[in-house]
């Protein structure tokens, strides 16, 4: 008599069942995180110089404040899942020259850029969370809702990356970024997208994780 091999559990399903994940997306529960972090001292020292360089930027304190807000509200069990299921990179050497970027699996989740002496943010989410009928149809994008989630309509823009049900949102200015992250529907969408990719398996960007930045992200 033979049995079908059980598929191995991937991503955060190892720690959180479906109900816990769904309740976290909806803001109905506070998930219990690890008390301590697993840390690589070699990796911590690798990016100290980049972190010090970031601190010299005029946007540094606002970047750290926004990153803390994002970590507190948008990443489930961040200590337990640090580096292995999400990572944050400091001044990554990509052509778009970001200040910081948060990744999971093979996907960018959130990026902050310099905008003069201010900041602008880029969020990746599911398009179906921002359409009038919750379908991945570009023609149903709820633009009035997006404009309502920032301080002035000119502060928000969007783009459509390659991939099914993926949507990019650009938000300019600290005030609009804070307002955007405070909107309940936006927060729910960010959480859903982040869980989608954290559940896909191990983070491909572990080697670029900046522990100095993560210290601030985990302060919340």
Protein backbone atom coordinates (compact mmCIF):
# COMPACT_ATOMS: atom_id res chain seq x y z
CA UNK A 1 0.00 0.00 0.00
CA UNK A 2 1.49 3.32 -1.05
CA UNK A 3 0.78 6.86 0.03
CA UNK A 4 1.19 10.10 -1.88
CA UNK A 5 4.17 12.08 -0.54
CA UNK A 6 3.11 15.20 1.32
CA UNK A 7 4.27 18.41 -0.29
CA UNK A 8 6.67 20.35 1.89
CA UNK A 9 5.30 23.51 3.44
CA UNK A 10 6.87 26.63 1.99
CA UNK A 11 7.20 30.22 3.10
CA UNK A 12 5.40 31.59 6.12
CA UNK A 13 2.93 28.71 6.04
CA UNK A 14 5.48 26.99 8.27
CA UNK A 15 4.67 29.50 11.01
CA UNK A 16 1.21 30.88 10.22
CA UNK A 17 -1.86 29.00 9.12
CA UNK A 18 -4.35 30.34 6.58
CA UNK A 19 -6.64 31.84 9.22
CA UNK A 20 -3.79 33.64 10.97
CA UNK A 21 -2.57 35.07 7.68
CA UNK A 22 -6.05 36.17 6.64
CA UNK A 23 -6.72 37.80 10.02
CA UNK A 24 -3.39 39.65 9.84
CA UNK A 25 -4.22 40.96 6.37
CA UNK A 26 -7.53 42.27 7.72
CA UNK A 27 -5.92 43.78 10.83
CA UNK A 28 -7.85 41.47 13.15
CA UNK A 29 -4.90 39.97 15.01
CA UNK A 30 -1.44 40.77 16.36
CA UNK A 31 0.89 37.95 15.43
CA UNK A 32 3.34 36.64 18.00
CA UNK A 33 6.88 37.17 16.73
CA UNK A 34 10.19 35.73 17.88
CA UNK A 35 11.80 37.41 20.88
CA UNK A 36 15.28 37.31 19.36
CA UNK A 37 16.72 37.63 15.88
CA UNK A 38 18.98 35.24 14.02
CA UNK A 39 21.95 37.26 12.85
CA UNK A 40 25.02 36.93 10.64
CA UNK A 41 27.76 39.18 11.99
CA UNK A 42 29.70 38.82 8.74
CA UNK A 43 26.74 40.19 6.80
CA UNK A 44 26.14 42.96 9.36
CA UNK A 45 29.65 44.32 8.92
CA UNK A 46 29.52 43.95 5.13
CA UNK A 47 27.06 46.86 4.72
CA UNK A 48 28.07 49.16 7.59
CA UNK A 49 29.87 51.54 5.20
CA UNK A 50 26.81 51.83 2.95
CA UNK A 51 24.61 52.49 5.95
CA UNK A 52 26.93 55.26 7.16
CA UNK A 53 26.82 56.75 3.68
CA UNK A 54 23.02 56.70 3.77
CA UNK A 55 23.04 58.51 7.12
CA UNK A 56 24.85 61.41 5.44
CA UNK A 57 21.98 61.92 2.99
CA UNK A 58 19.49 64.73 3.74
CA UNK A 59 16.66 62.18 3.50
CA UNK A 60 18.17 59.77 6.04
CA UNK A 61 15.97 60.40 9.08
CA UNK A 62 12.78 60.38 7.04
CA UNK A 63 13.84 57.17 5.31
CA UNK A 64 14.38 55.49 8.67
CA UNK A 65 11.04 56.75 9.97
CA UNK A 66 9.13 55.46 6.93
CA UNK A 67 11.02 52.17 7.00
CA UNK A 68 10.05 51.68 10.65
CA UNK A 69 6.41 52.37 9.79
CA UNK A 70 6.53 49.91 6.90
CA UNK A 71 8.14 47.20 9.03
CA UNK A 72 5.65 47.64 11.84
CA UNK A 73 2.59 47.44 9.59
CA UNK A 74 3.47 45.57 6.42
CA UNK A 75 5.71 42.59 7.28
CA UNK A 76 4.32 39.67 9.31
CA UNK A 77 6.48 38.17 12.09
CA UNK A 78 9.45 40.26 10.88
CA UNK A 79 11.98 38.96 13.44
CA UNK A 80 11.22 35.31 12.79
CA UNK A 81 11.22 35.82 9.00
CA UNK A 82 14.14 38.27 8.78
CA UNK A 83 16.53 37.74 5.88
CA UNK A 84 15.23 34.25 5.05
CA UNK A 85 11.80 35.49 3.89
CA UNK A 86 12.35 39.24 3.51
CA UNK A 87 15.36 41.53 3.34
CA UNK A 88 16.15 45.21 3.17
CA UNK A 89 19.07 46.53 1.15
CA UNK A 90 20.91 49.83 1.61
CA UNK A 91 21.88 51.92 -1.43
CA UNK A 92 21.62 48.89 -3.74
CA UNK A 93 23.71 49.22 -6.88
CA UNK A 94 20.88 49.11 -9.41
CA UNK A 95 20.37 51.56 -12.26
CA UNK A 96 17.41 53.32 -10.60
CA UNK A 97 19.64 54.32 -7.63
CA UNK A 98 17.31 53.63 -4.69
CA UNK A 99 18.06 54.57 -1.09
CA UNK A 100 16.55 51.39 0.36
CA UNK A 101 14.62 48.41 -1.00
CA UNK A 102 12.63 45.64 0.66
CA UNK A 103 12.43 42.28 -1.16
CA UNK A 104 10.85 38.86 -0.67
CA UNK A 105 11.34 35.70 -2.71
CA UNK A 106 12.36 37.09 -6.16
CA UNK A 107 10.18 40.18 -5.87
CA UNK A 108 10.69 43.82 -4.96
CA UNK A 109 8.07 44.87 -2.40
CA UNK A 110 8.89 48.46 -1.48
CA UNK A 111 11.52 51.02 -2.48
CA UNK A 112 12.43 54.52 -1.31
CA UNK A 113 14.21 57.03 -3.55
CA UNK A 114 15.63 60.51 -3.15
CA UNK A 115 13.37 63.22 -4.59
CA UNK A 116 15.43 66.38 -4.31
CA UNK A 117 16.00 66.57 -0.57
CA UNK A 118 12.75 64.69 0.01
CA UNK A 119 11.66 61.13 -0.70
CA UNK A 120 9.40 59.18 -3.00
CA UNK A 121 8.22 55.60 -2.60
CA UNK A 122 7.39 52.74 -4.92
CA UNK A 123 4.97 50.02 -3.83
CA UNK A 124 4.22 46.80 -5.67
CA UNK A 125 0.77 45.32 -5.01
CA UNK A 126 -1.93 43.22 -6.67
CA UNK A 127 -3.82 45.22 -9.31
CA UNK A 128 -7.07 43.50 -8.28
CA UNK A 129 -6.92 45.33 -4.94
CA UNK A 130 -7.15 48.68 -6.73
CA UNK A 131 -9.82 48.08 -9.37
CA UNK A 132 -13.50 48.86 -9.05
CA UNK A 133 -14.58 45.21 -9.42
CA UNK A 134 -11.47 43.61 -7.89
CA UNK A 135 -10.36 42.10 -11.18
CA UNK A 136 -6.86 42.36 -12.74
CA UNK A 137 -8.21 44.60 -15.54
CA UNK A 138 -6.29 47.82 -16.11
CA UNK A 139 -9.36 49.60 -17.43
CA UNK A 140 -11.07 49.25 -14.05
CA UNK A 141 -8.35 51.01 -12.05
CA UNK A 142 -9.91 53.11 -9.27
CA UNK A 143 -7.90 56.30 -9.79
CA UNK A 144 -10.11 58.50 -7.56
CA UNK A 145 -9.42 56.15 -4.65
CA UNK A 146 -5.65 56.36 -5.22
CA UNK A 147 -5.81 60.15 -5.30
CA UNK A 148 -7.83 60.16 -2.08
CA UNK A 149 -5.03 58.23 -0.31
CA UNK A 150 -2.41 61.00 -0.70
CA UNK A 151 -2.30 64.66 0.28
CA UNK A 152 -2.59 65.99 -3.29
CA UNK A 153 -3.48 64.06 -6.48
CA UNK A 154 -0.17 64.99 -8.11
CA UNK A 155 1.66 62.97 -5.45
CA UNK A 156 0.52 59.61 -6.80
CA UNK A 157 1.28 57.82 -10.06
CA UNK A 158 1.11 54.25 -11.28
CA UNK A 159 2.64 51.79 -13.71
CA UNK A 160 2.02 48.22 -14.83
CA UNK A 161 4.99 45.87 -14.47
CA UNK A 162 5.19 42.59 -16.36
CA UNK A 163 3.36 39.79 -14.63
CA UNK A 164 -0.18 38.77 -13.83
CA UNK A 165 -2.10 40.91 -11.33
CA UNK A 166 0.88 43.14 -10.47
CA UNK A 167 0.53 46.89 -10.07
CA UNK A 168 3.08 49.58 -9.24
CA UNK A 169 2.28 52.74 -7.29
CA UNK A 170 4.60 55.74 -6.94
CA UNK A 171 3.99 58.14 -4.05
CA UNK A 172 5.90 61.41 -3.72
CA UNK A 173 6.65 63.23 -0.47
CA UNK A 174 6.80 62.21 3.15
CA UNK A 175 3.31 63.45 4.04
CA UNK A 176 1.67 61.52 1.20
CA UNK A 177 3.66 58.35 1.95
CA UNK A 178 2.52 58.45 5.58
CA UNK A 179 -1.10 59.07 4.55
CA UNK A 180 -0.93 56.28 1.98
CA UNK A 181 0.34 53.78 4.55
CA UNK A 182 -2.42 54.83 6.96
CA UNK A 183 -5.25 53.98 4.54
CA UNK A 184 -6.88 50.73 5.63
CA UNK A 185 -7.56 49.41 2.12
CA UNK A 186 -4.01 50.24 1.03
CA UNK A 187 -2.51 48.51 4.06
CA UNK A 188 -4.62 45.43 3.41
CA UNK A 189 -3.42 45.35 -0.22
CA UNK A 190 0.24 45.72 0.75
CA UNK A 191 -0.06 42.94 3.32
CA UNK A 192 -1.74 40.61 0.83
CA UNK A 193 0.94 41.15 -1.82
CA UNK A 194 3.77 40.76 0.70
CA UNK A 195 2.35 37.50 2.02
CA UNK A 196 1.90 36.21 -1.54
CA UNK A 197 5.63 36.48 -2.12
CA UNK A 198 6.85 35.57 1.36
CA UNK A 199 4.87 32.33 0.95
CA UNK A 200 6.64 31.45 -2.29
CA UNK A 201 9.76 30.29 -0.51
CA UNK A 202 13.13 31.51 0.61
CA UNK A 203 14.21 35.07 -0.13
CA UNK A 204 16.63 35.28 -3.07
CA UNK A 205 18.22 38.50 -1.76
CA UNK A 206 19.53 37.28 1.58
CA UNK A 207 23.12 38.24 0.73
CA UNK A 208 22.16 41.93 0.36
CA UNK A 209 20.37 42.20 3.72
CA UNK A 210 21.52 45.25 5.69
CA UNK A 211 21.16 44.54 9.41
CA UNK A 212 21.78 48.18 10.31
CA UNK A 213 18.69 49.19 8.33
CA UNK A 214 16.75 46.24 9.69
CA UNK A 215 17.47 47.49 13.22
CA UNK A 216 15.32 50.52 12.47
CA UNK A 217 12.67 48.58 10.56
CA UNK A 218 12.24 46.29 13.57
CA UNK A 219 11.97 49.06 16.16
CA UNK A 220 8.21 49.34 15.73
